[in-house]
Amino acid sequence: MKKSFWIAVIAALVLPLGAVAEHHEAAEEQPPLTDVWLMVPKRGMEADFTAAVAKHMAFRVKAGESQSWLAFRPVLGKNLSVVQYRSCCFDYADLDTNMAESAKLGLDEDWNKNVDPYVDHYHHYFDVNDWENSHWPEGSNGPYYGVTTWKLKENIGPGPREARKKFSQMAKKEGWAEGHNWLWLNSIGGEPRLAIVTSMENLAELAPEENTFFDFVAEKMGSAEDAMKMFEQFGSGFASSDFTVWMYDAAISTPSTE
């Protein structure tokens, strides 16, 4: 997959700069939710955690769990020891079904006995995938994923959301989607956050493109001034942003059921 959508978006925004999408073919009609767990191994026990969690994921497969869990480790960021697990894609009612299945199969019991002793702490969220305004074609398989996360201001109103929808639909319908991929996520749990994820085959794709997304939007709108106003409208909804790159770790994931 070619250059990443987020690079062009960030370059166009006036922001004080400082979820990952699942590793499978996505389609707009898929259910919206991704179950997200982040965990930090205890210091000095990282190797023990990795060995234990690999055995546990094999246990989940043998038990016949219907969910797939894909593991990711950060390449950039402040805490490189964190491990992220993602399972997609579900409707809200499926969350209760998944919890019941986990209890029935003894998955939580096995985790608590064999993996939890090596974990310092956890974070748990749900991501809501905005398929309508995303472009996540077949082949968006990483193994690297660039993730830009924005912290939302309070009472931001509809302006930033409307601007995001406008330039996302423009990208999808006016030609930018060819050779690019992106997935918008809203978080449930913790501070309100918006994120955009892009898949990269290698780190060379971090390099900015000569023709930026801002240039594309300005051309389609017929005015760089109008394009800047739209991006400023989008950026007005956020207090800060952060960027990191995650890498898929197949060794501690379960095979995809997709």
Protein backbone atom coordinates (compact mmCIF):
# COMPACT_ATOMS: atom_id res chain seq x y z
CA MET A 1 0.00 0.00 0.00
CA LYS A 2 1.30 3.44 -0.90
CA LYS A 3 1.74 6.58 1.20
CA SER A 4 -0.40 7.10 4.24
CA PHE A 5 -3.42 9.39 4.49
CA TRP A 6 -2.54 10.58 8.02
CA ILE A 7 0.73 12.20 6.88
CA ALA A 8 -1.07 14.48 4.50
CA VAL A 9 -3.81 15.29 7.00
CA ILE A 10 -1.33 16.18 9.75
CA ALA A 11 0.72 18.34 7.42
CA ALA A 12 -2.38 20.38 6.67
CA LEU A 13 -3.45 20.99 10.27
CA VAL A 14 -2.43 23.74 12.65
CA LEU A 15 -2.19 21.68 15.86
CA PRO A 16 0.18 21.32 18.82
CA LEU A 17 1.47 17.88 17.78
CA GLY A 18 2.84 15.51 20.37
CA ALA A 19 -5.98 2.09 17.05
CA VAL A 20 -5.01 0.17 15.16
CA ALA A 21 -6.99 -1.43 12.83
CA GLU A 22 -7.31 -5.17 12.73
CA HIS A 23 -5.17 -7.19 10.35
CA HIS A 24 -7.80 -8.35 7.88
CA GLU A 25 -9.86 -7.30 4.90
CA ALA A 26 -12.38 -4.67 5.96
CA ALA A 27 -15.62 -3.61 4.34
CA GLU A 28 -17.96 -0.75 5.08
CA GLU A 29 -20.87 -3.05 5.98
CA GLN A 30 -18.95 -4.70 8.84
CA PRO A 31 -20.10 -4.25 12.45
CA PRO A 32 -18.59 -1.18 14.07
CA LEU A 33 -16.86 -2.28 17.28
CA THR A 34 -13.32 -3.40 18.03
CA ASP A 35 -12.46 -4.75 21.49
CA VAL A 36 -9.14 -3.24 22.61
CA TRP A 37 -6.89 -4.26 25.51
CA LEU A 38 -3.59 -2.59 26.33
CA MET A 39 -1.27 -4.08 28.92
CA VAL A 40 2.18 -3.35 30.28
CA PRO A 41 4.32 -6.28 31.48
CA LYS A 42 6.02 -5.91 34.84
CA ARG A 43 9.54 -4.56 34.57
CA GLY A 44 12.03 -7.37 34.20
CA MET A 45 9.29 -9.86 33.33
CA GLU A 46 8.80 -8.99 29.66
CA ALA A 47 10.20 -12.31 28.42
CA ASP A 48 8.11 -14.25 30.94
CA PHE A 49 5.02 -12.36 29.80
CA THR A 50 5.70 -13.10 26.14
CA ALA A 51 6.17 -16.82 26.79
CA ALA A 52 3.07 -17.01 28.98
CA VAL A 53 0.82 -15.05 26.63
CA ALA A 54 1.92 -17.16 23.64
CA LYS A 55 0.86 -20.31 25.50
CA HIS A 56 -2.41 -18.66 26.53
CA MET A 57 -3.27 -17.67 22.95
CA ALA A 58 -2.69 -21.29 21.89
CA PHE A 59 -5.06 -22.30 24.69
CA ARG A 60 -7.73 -19.96 23.31
CA VAL A 61 -7.42 -21.53 19.87
CA LYS A 62 -7.62 -25.08 21.27
CA ALA A 63 -10.66 -24.11 23.37
CA GLY A 64 -12.47 -23.04 20.20
CA GLU A 65 -12.91 -19.34 20.90
CA SER A 66 -14.84 -17.62 18.11
CA GLN A 67 -12.90 -14.34 18.42
CA SER A 68 -9.52 -13.63 16.89
CA TRP A 69 -7.03 -11.57 18.91
CA LEU A 70 -4.28 -9.72 17.08
CA ALA A 71 -1.29 -8.39 19.00
CA PHE A 72 0.63 -5.20 18.28
CA ARG A 73 3.78 -3.68 19.78
CA PRO A 74 4.82 -0.01 19.42
CA VAL A 75 7.77 0.99 17.30
CA LEU A 76 7.54 4.67 18.30
CA GLY A 77 6.25 6.32 21.46
CA LYS A 78 6.91 6.75 25.17
CA ASN A 79 6.27 3.22 26.42
CA LEU A 80 7.68 0.59 24.09
CA SER A 81 6.90 -2.31 26.43
CA VAL A 82 3.12 -1.99 26.05
CA VAL A 83 1.24 -4.72 24.16
CA GLN A 84 -2.07 -4.05 22.44
CA TYR A 85 -4.66 -6.72 21.65
CA ARG A 86 -7.48 -6.02 19.20
CA SER A 87 -10.49 -8.11 18.20
CA CYS A 88 -12.82 -6.91 15.44
CA CYS A 89 -15.62 -6.57 14.37
CA PHE A 90 -18.75 -6.71 16.56
CA ASP A 91 -22.14 -5.24 17.23
CA TYR A 92 -22.92 -4.14 20.77
CA ALA A 93 -24.94 -7.26 21.53
CA ASP A 94 -21.98 -9.42 20.54
CA LEU A 95 -20.01 -8.07 23.50
CA ASP A 96 -22.26 -9.92 25.93
CA THR A 97 -22.03 -13.07 23.81
CA ASN A 98 -18.23 -12.86 23.77
CA MET A 99 -18.07 -12.41 27.55
CA ALA A 100 -20.32 -15.42 28.10
CA GLU A 101 -18.21 -17.53 25.75
CA SER A 102 -15.03 -16.49 27.55
CA ALA A 103 -16.45 -17.59 30.90
CA LYS A 104 -17.77 -20.86 29.47
CA LEU A 105 -14.45 -21.80 27.90
CA GLY A 106 -12.41 -20.81 30.94
CA LEU A 107 -10.42 -18.20 29.04
CA ASP A 108 -10.41 -15.60 31.81
CA GLU A 109 -9.47 -18.22 34.38
CA ASP A 110 -6.50 -19.37 32.33
CA TRP A 111 -5.36 -15.79 31.70
CA ASN A 112 -5.60 -14.83 35.37
CA LYS A 113 -3.65 -17.91 36.42
CA ASN A 114 -0.91 -17.95 33.81
CA VAL A 115 -0.51 -14.45 32.33
CA ASP A 116 -1.79 -11.89 34.83
CA PRO A 117 1.11 -12.46 37.31
CA TYR A 118 3.42 -10.88 34.71
CA VAL A 119 1.21 -7.84 33.96
CA ASP A 120 1.70 -4.51 35.69
CA HIS A 121 -1.57 -2.89 34.57
CA TYR A 122 -4.26 -2.87 31.89
CA HIS A 123 -6.38 -0.44 29.90
CA HIS A 124 -9.61 -1.56 28.19
CA TYR A 125 -11.51 0.33 25.48
CA PHE A 126 -13.89 -0.16 22.61
CA ASP A 127 -13.10 1.48 19.28
CA VAL A 128 -15.97 2.45 16.99
CA ASN A 129 -14.88 2.02 13.38
CA ASP A 130 -16.22 4.75 11.09
CA TRP A 131 -16.44 2.63 7.95
CA GLU A 132 -18.46 5.26 6.07
CA ASN A 133 -15.61 7.77 6.09
CA SER A 134 -12.76 5.26 5.90
CA HIS A 135 -11.04 3.44 3.05
CA TRP A 136 -9.63 0.11 4.21
CA PRO A 137 -9.31 -2.12 1.10
CA GLU A 138 -8.13 -5.69 0.83
CA GLY A 139 -4.39 -5.79 1.29
CA SER A 140 -4.24 -3.23 4.13
CA ASN A 141 -2.22 -5.74 6.10
CA GLY A 142 0.69 -3.82 7.55
CA PRO A 143 2.71 -5.13 9.27
CA TYR A 144 3.16 -1.51 10.40
CA TYR A 145 0.27 0.73 11.42
CA GLY A 146 0.59 4.47 11.85
CA VAL A 147 -1.86 5.82 14.42
CA THR A 148 -2.57 9.50 15.04
CA THR A 149 -4.74 10.15 18.08
CA TRP A 150 -6.44 13.43 18.93
CA LYS A 151 -7.72 14.38 22.37
CA LEU A 152 -11.12 16.02 21.95
CA LYS A 153 -12.02 19.34 23.52
CA GLU A 154 -15.23 19.60 25.52
CA ASN A 155 -18.38 20.84 23.76
CA ILE A 156 -16.71 20.98 20.36
CA GLY A 157 -19.96 21.01 18.38
CA PRO A 158 -20.52 19.45 14.95
CA GLY A 159 -17.94 21.49 13.00
CA PRO A 160 -14.90 19.18 13.28
CA ARG A 161 -17.00 16.09 12.51
CA GLU A 162 -18.55 17.75 9.46
CA ALA A 163 -15.15 18.83 8.16
CA ARG A 164 -13.73 15.33 8.66
CA LYS A 165 -16.64 13.79 6.78
CA LYS A 166 -16.30 16.30 3.96
CA PHE A 167 -12.61 15.77 3.26
CA SER A 168 -12.89 11.99 3.82
CA GLN A 169 -15.68 11.67 1.27
CA MET A 170 -13.74 13.91 -1.09
CA ALA A 171 -10.75 11.58 -0.73
CA LYS A 172 -12.88 8.50 -1.41
CA LYS A 173 -14.81 9.90 -4.37
CA GLU A 174 -12.34 12.22 -6.07
CA GLY A 175 -9.34 9.91 -6.55
CA TRP A 176 -7.18 10.14 -3.42
CA ALA A 177 -8.24 6.67 -2.23
CA GLU A 178 -6.26 5.01 -5.02
CA GLY A 179 -2.97 3.98 -3.44
CA HIS A 180 -3.98 5.12 0.07
CA ASN A 181 -5.77 3.61 3.06
CA TRP A 182 -7.17 5.01 6.28
CA LEU A 183 -9.52 4.02 9.09
CA TRP A 184 -11.19 6.48 11.48
CA LEU A 185 -11.84 5.35 15.07
CA ASN A 186 -13.73 6.87 17.99
CA SER A 187 -12.95 5.48 21.43
CA ILE A 188 -15.38 4.40 24.16
CA GLY A 189 -13.83 4.47 27.61
CA GLY A 190 -11.44 6.97 29.16
CA GLU A 191 -10.97 10.42 27.67
CA PRO A 192 -12.82 11.05 24.39
CA ARG A 193 -10.42 10.42 21.53
CA LEU A 194 -10.45 10.32 17.75
CA ALA A 195 -7.84 8.34 15.84
CA ILE A 196 -6.88 7.63 12.27
CA VAL A 197 -5.02 4.44 11.37
CA THR A 198 -3.10 3.67 8.20
CA SER A 199 -1.43 0.46 7.11
CA MET A 200 2.19 0.50 5.91
CA GLU A 201 4.28 -2.25 4.36
CA ASN A 202 7.49 -0.66 5.60
CA LEU A 203 8.77 2.37 7.49
CA ALA A 204 9.85 4.04 4.25
CA GLU A 205 6.18 4.94 3.80
CA LEU A 206 6.55 7.44 6.63
CA ALA A 207 8.19 9.80 4.15
CA PRO A 208 5.90 12.69 3.16
CA GLU A 209 4.52 12.70 -0.36
CA GLU A 210 5.51 15.42 -2.78
CA ASN A 211 1.85 16.11 -3.55
CA THR A 212 0.13 16.34 -0.17
CA PHE A 213 -3.47 15.71 0.75
CA PHE A 214 -3.82 19.43 1.36
CA ASP A 215 -2.75 20.05 -2.25
CA PHE A 216 -5.34 17.51 -3.38
CA VAL A 217 -8.14 19.15 -1.36
CA ALA A 218 -7.14 22.66 -2.44
CA GLU A 219 -7.26 21.58 -6.07
CA LYS A 220 -10.69 19.96 -5.69
CA MET A 221 -12.08 22.96 -3.80
CA GLY A 222 -10.48 25.42 -6.22
CA SER A 223 -8.88 27.41 -3.40
CA ALA A 224 -6.05 26.85 -0.93
CA GLU A 225 -7.74 29.35 1.39
CA ASP A 226 -10.99 27.37 1.44
CA ALA A 227 -9.07 24.14 2.02
CA MET A 228 -7.20 25.67 4.96
CA LYS A 229 -10.47 26.88 6.49
CA MET A 230 -11.85 23.34 6.33
CA PHE A 231 -8.76 21.83 7.97
CA GLU A 232 -8.77 24.53 10.64
CA GLN A 233 -12.42 23.69 11.28
CA PHE A 234 -11.42 20.07 11.80
CA GLY A 235 -8.45 20.97 14.01
CA SER A 236 -10.50 23.32 16.19
CA GLY A 237 -12.03 20.35 17.98
CA PHE A 238 -8.83 19.00 19.53
CA ALA A 239 -6.65 19.94 22.45
CA SER A 240 -3.60 17.90 21.39
CA SER A 241 -2.48 15.00 19.24
CA ASP A 242 -0.05 12.11 19.35
CA PHE A 243 1.45 9.80 16.75
CA THR A 244 2.95 6.35 17.02
CA VAL A 245 3.64 3.31 14.86
CA TRP A 246 2.55 -0.18 15.88
CA MET A 247 3.81 -3.47 14.46
CA TYR A 248 1.76 -6.64 14.21
CA ASP A 249 3.16 -9.50 16.30
CA ALA A 250 1.95 -12.83 14.88
CA ALA A 251 3.81 -14.88 17.50
CA ILE A 252 1.43 -13.83 20.30
CA SER A 253 -1.76 -13.49 18.21
CA THR A 254 -4.47 -16.00 17.42
CA PRO A 255 -5.17 -16.94 13.80
CA SER A 256 -7.77 -14.79 12.10
CA THR A 257 -11.18 -16.36 11.61
CA GLU A 258 -11.98 -13.93 8.78
